Amino acid sequence: MLGLWAAIAWTVAVGILFAGNAVKANDTQKRIVILGDSITAGYGLDPGESYPAVLQKKIDQAKLPFVVANAGVSGDTTAGGLRRVAWAMTKRADILVIALGGNDGLRGISPAETKKNLLGIVSKARTRNPKIQVFIAGMQMPGNMGQEFTERFKTLFPAVAKESKSTLIPFLIEGVGGDEKLNQADGIHPTAKGQKIIAENVWKILQPKLIK
């Protein structure tokens, strides 16, 4: 029964999340789906402060015909992303940014399993839209996870991007991770200022693809 209620709660929460992004969409705009976890969802912040929302502002300022759908769910793993990517792409999706894996690492999930799930997400996305552009956001683990694990984890994202012919965003939280001034009291979730830096990390890789 608890599993059923959890599933219902998740569906409602994500439905509300997407509803907030759908207001600007129209037939002339292309759709960018950002599949992520609490960092993408903007945990602890106002909706307009998440990096997907900041990216939307950059897109609007550049007068580019794209709308950003924030498909971030707190606590999600690559396994969760694999389960819900098809649902996230129910509406048209022209670009998919996969920003998952951090929770895998923190839970000690095998990097091989994380890689398998990420490749599965890309495969499912391309099944729904063979022309979709896919971006893989890299993540890294703190040194206390062990040198072997952290190195294997760090290298899996470039490997996934290469194997799936996707575009790599080298390190999603570059310049933010580990900086107390840019993270909330928990030391994990970025502040609004930190989210702006993350948006810039994504934008410098994403923007050239939007103007082609």
Protein backbone atom coordinates (compact mmCIF):
# COMPACT_ATOMS: atom_id res chain seq x y z
CA MET A 1 0.00 0.00 0.00
CA LEU A 2 2.83 2.41 0.84
CA GLY A 3 4.34 1.72 -2.57
CA LEU A 4 1.04 2.61 -4.23
CA TRP A 5 0.72 5.89 -2.32
CA ALA A 6 4.34 6.74 -3.09
CA ALA A 7 3.71 6.18 -6.80
CA ILE A 8 0.60 8.36 -6.70
CA ALA A 9 2.44 11.12 -4.85
CA TRP A 10 5.32 10.99 -7.33
CA THR A 11 2.92 11.21 -10.31
CA VAL A 12 1.10 14.18 -8.83
CA ALA A 13 4.33 15.98 -7.93
CA VAL A 14 5.86 15.54 -11.37
CA GLY A 15 2.57 16.44 -13.03
CA ILE A 16 2.54 19.74 -11.14
CA LEU A 17 6.19 20.25 -12.04
CA PHE A 18 5.56 19.85 -15.75
CA ALA A 19 2.40 21.96 -15.61
CA GLY A 20 4.52 24.91 -14.56
CA ASN A 21 6.72 24.50 -17.61
CA ALA A 22 3.94 23.96 -20.11
CA VAL A 23 2.53 27.49 -20.00
CA LYS A 24 4.99 28.93 -22.51
CA ALA A 25 4.92 26.05 -24.95
CA ASN A 26 3.38 26.47 -28.40
CA ASP A 27 3.56 24.77 -31.76
CA THR A 28 6.44 26.95 -32.97
CA GLN A 29 8.72 26.17 -30.03
CA LYS A 30 11.00 23.21 -29.56
CA ARG A 31 11.09 21.47 -26.20
CA ILE A 32 14.09 20.82 -23.95
CA VAL A 33 13.54 18.21 -21.24
CA ILE A 34 15.99 18.19 -18.33
CA LEU A 35 15.81 14.82 -16.60
CA GLY A 36 17.42 15.17 -13.19
CA ASP A 37 17.29 14.93 -9.42
CA SER A 38 16.96 17.47 -6.58
CA ILE A 39 19.61 19.78 -8.03
CA THR A 40 17.58 20.06 -11.24
CA ALA A 41 14.32 20.34 -9.29
CA GLY A 42 15.77 23.30 -7.36
CA TYR A 43 15.40 21.76 -3.91
CA GLY A 44 14.89 24.37 -1.19
CA LEU A 45 14.48 27.25 -3.65
CA ASP A 46 11.67 29.13 -5.37
CA PRO A 47 10.64 27.61 -8.75
CA GLY A 48 12.21 30.45 -10.71
CA GLU A 49 15.62 29.90 -9.10
CA SER A 50 16.39 26.42 -10.43
CA TYR A 51 18.96 26.18 -13.20
CA PRO A 52 16.36 25.02 -15.75
CA ALA A 53 14.38 28.20 -14.99
CA VAL A 54 17.56 30.29 -15.36
CA LEU A 55 18.22 28.56 -18.70
CA GLN A 56 14.71 29.49 -19.83
CA LYS A 57 15.48 33.14 -19.07
CA LYS A 58 18.67 32.92 -21.10
CA ILE A 59 16.76 31.34 -23.98
CA ASP A 60 14.09 34.02 -23.86
CA GLN A 61 16.69 36.79 -23.77
CA ALA A 62 18.37 35.26 -26.81
CA LYS A 63 14.94 35.02 -28.49
CA LEU A 64 15.41 31.36 -29.30
CA PRO A 65 12.33 29.18 -29.97
CA PHE A 66 12.76 26.70 -27.09
CA VAL A 67 10.84 25.93 -23.92
CA VAL A 68 12.50 24.15 -20.98
CA ALA A 69 10.65 21.39 -19.10
CA ASN A 70 12.08 20.75 -15.64
CA ALA A 71 11.84 16.98 -15.08
CA GLY A 72 13.84 16.99 -11.88
CA VAL A 73 12.68 14.76 -9.02
CA SER A 74 14.39 14.89 -5.64
CA GLY A 75 16.20 11.69 -4.72
CA ASP A 76 16.02 10.23 -8.21
CA THR A 77 18.66 7.84 -9.52
CA THR A 78 19.53 6.71 -13.03
CA ALA A 79 17.27 3.69 -12.47
CA GLY A 80 14.41 6.07 -11.71
CA GLY A 81 15.23 8.10 -14.78
CA LEU A 82 15.18 4.96 -16.90
CA ARG A 83 11.68 4.20 -15.61
CA ARG A 84 10.27 7.64 -16.26
CA VAL A 85 12.05 8.96 -19.35
CA ALA A 86 9.30 7.77 -21.68
CA TRP A 87 6.73 9.53 -19.52
CA ALA A 88 8.84 12.69 -19.45
CA MET A 89 8.83 12.63 -23.25
CA THR A 90 5.07 12.12 -23.61
CA LYS A 91 4.98 15.63 -25.04
CA ARG A 92 7.34 16.39 -27.89
CA ALA A 93 10.99 16.54 -26.83
CA ASP A 94 13.66 17.83 -29.20
CA ILE A 95 16.53 17.97 -26.69
CA LEU A 96 17.13 15.81 -23.62
CA VAL A 97 19.59 16.79 -20.91
CA ILE A 98 20.30 13.85 -18.58
CA ALA A 99 21.47 15.20 -15.22
CA LEU A 100 21.34 12.02 -13.15
CA GLY A 101 23.89 9.90 -11.34
CA GLY A 102 24.77 11.90 -8.26
CA ASN A 103 22.44 9.90 -6.04
CA ASP A 104 23.77 6.68 -7.55
CA GLY A 105 27.26 7.62 -6.44
CA LEU A 106 26.24 8.69 -2.96
CA ARG A 107 24.44 5.37 -2.49
CA GLY A 108 27.48 3.42 -3.65
CA ILE A 109 25.74 1.99 -6.71
CA SER A 110 28.18 0.35 -9.10
CA PRO A 111 29.41 2.76 -11.80
CA ALA A 112 28.81 -0.05 -14.28
CA GLU A 113 25.12 -0.10 -13.30
CA THR A 114 24.89 3.68 -13.55
CA LYS A 115 26.44 3.56 -17.01
CA LYS A 116 24.02 0.86 -18.11
CA ASN A 117 21.05 2.91 -16.92
CA LEU A 118 22.25 6.09 -18.62
CA LEU A 119 22.70 4.24 -21.91
CA GLY A 120 19.21 2.82 -21.43
CA ILE A 121 17.78 6.31 -20.97
CA VAL A 122 19.39 7.49 -24.20
CA SER A 123 18.10 4.43 -26.04
CA LYS A 124 14.54 4.94 -24.81
CA ALA A 125 14.66 8.62 -25.72
CA ARG A 126 15.81 7.87 -29.25
CA THR A 127 13.16 5.23 -29.63
CA ARG A 128 10.56 7.94 -29.07
CA ASN A 129 12.39 10.51 -31.18
CA PRO A 130 15.28 9.28 -33.35
CA LYS A 131 16.33 12.89 -34.06
CA ILE A 132 16.54 14.02 -30.45
CA GLN A 133 19.74 15.73 -29.30
CA VAL A 134 21.02 14.24 -26.05
CA PHE A 135 23.32 15.87 -23.49
CA ILE A 136 24.99 13.94 -20.66
CA ALA A 137 25.80 15.98 -17.56
CA GLY A 138 28.88 14.69 -15.79
CA MET A 139 29.09 14.33 -12.02
CA GLN A 140 31.87 13.60 -9.54
CA MET A 141 32.04 12.11 -6.07
CA PRO A 142 33.93 13.45 -3.02
CA GLY A 143 37.23 11.82 -2.18
CA ASN A 144 35.87 10.07 0.90
CA MET A 145 34.11 7.60 -1.41
CA GLY A 146 37.50 6.04 -2.19
CA GLN A 147 39.93 6.73 -5.03
CA GLU A 148 38.98 3.73 -7.17
CA PHE A 149 35.26 4.40 -6.92
CA THR A 150 35.52 8.14 -7.53
CA GLU A 151 37.71 7.64 -10.61
CA ARG A 152 35.41 4.99 -12.09
CA PHE A 153 32.42 7.22 -11.39
CA LYS A 154 34.01 10.31 -12.92
CA THR A 155 34.97 8.53 -16.15
CA LEU A 156 31.63 6.81 -16.76
CA PHE A 157 29.93 10.00 -18.01
CA PRO A 158 32.41 10.76 -20.81
CA ALA A 159 32.23 7.07 -21.72
CA VAL A 160 28.43 7.18 -21.95
CA ALA A 161 28.54 10.34 -24.06
CA LYS A 162 31.08 8.81 -26.45
CA GLU A 163 29.34 5.45 -26.70
CA SER A 164 25.90 6.97 -27.25
CA LYS A 165 27.13 9.78 -29.53
CA SER A 166 25.75 12.36 -27.13
CA THR A 167 27.16 15.74 -26.09
CA LEU A 168 29.00 15.86 -22.77
CA ILE A 169 28.55 18.60 -20.18
CA PRO A 170 31.83 17.86 -18.36
CA PHE A 171 30.79 18.57 -14.75
CA LEU A 172 27.31 19.86 -13.94
CA ILE A 173 28.20 21.53 -10.64
CA GLU A 174 31.64 22.84 -11.65
CA GLY A 175 32.52 25.80 -9.43
CA VAL A 176 29.66 25.02 -7.03
CA GLY A 177 30.27 21.61 -5.49
CA GLY A 178 32.11 21.85 -2.18
CA ASP A 179 31.76 25.64 -1.91
CA GLU A 180 29.91 26.48 1.32
CA LYS A 181 28.92 29.91 0.04
CA LEU A 182 27.16 28.42 -2.98
CA ASN A 183 25.34 25.59 -1.21
CA GLN A 184 22.55 25.47 1.32
CA ALA A 185 23.08 24.44 4.94
CA ASP A 186 23.07 20.73 4.01
CA GLY A 187 26.19 21.26 1.91
CA ILE A 188 24.63 19.39 -1.00
CA HIS A 189 21.96 21.52 -2.61
CA PRO A 190 23.00 24.74 -4.38
CA THR A 191 21.77 28.17 -3.41
CA ALA A 192 20.12 30.43 -5.99
CA LYS A 193 23.56 31.84 -6.79
CA GLY A 194 24.94 28.34 -7.18
CA GLN A 195 22.10 27.47 -9.54
CA LYS A 196 23.03 30.42 -11.75
CA ILE A 197 26.56 29.03 -12.07
CA ILE A 198 25.19 25.59 -12.93
CA ALA A 199 22.97 27.19 -15.57
CA GLU A 200 26.06 28.80 -17.08
CA ASN A 201 27.87 25.42 -17.09
CA VAL A 202 25.01 23.97 -19.10
CA TRP A 203 24.45 27.04 -21.27
CA LYS A 204 27.99 27.20 -22.65
CA ILE A 205 27.56 23.66 -24.02
CA LEU A 206 23.87 23.86 -24.93
CA GLN A 207 23.67 27.31 -26.52
CA PRO A 208 25.81 26.57 -29.61
CA LYS A 209 23.51 23.64 -30.41
CA LEU A 210 20.40 25.84 -30.18
CA ILE A 211 21.52 28.32 -32.82
CA LYS A 212 22.44 25.78 -35.49
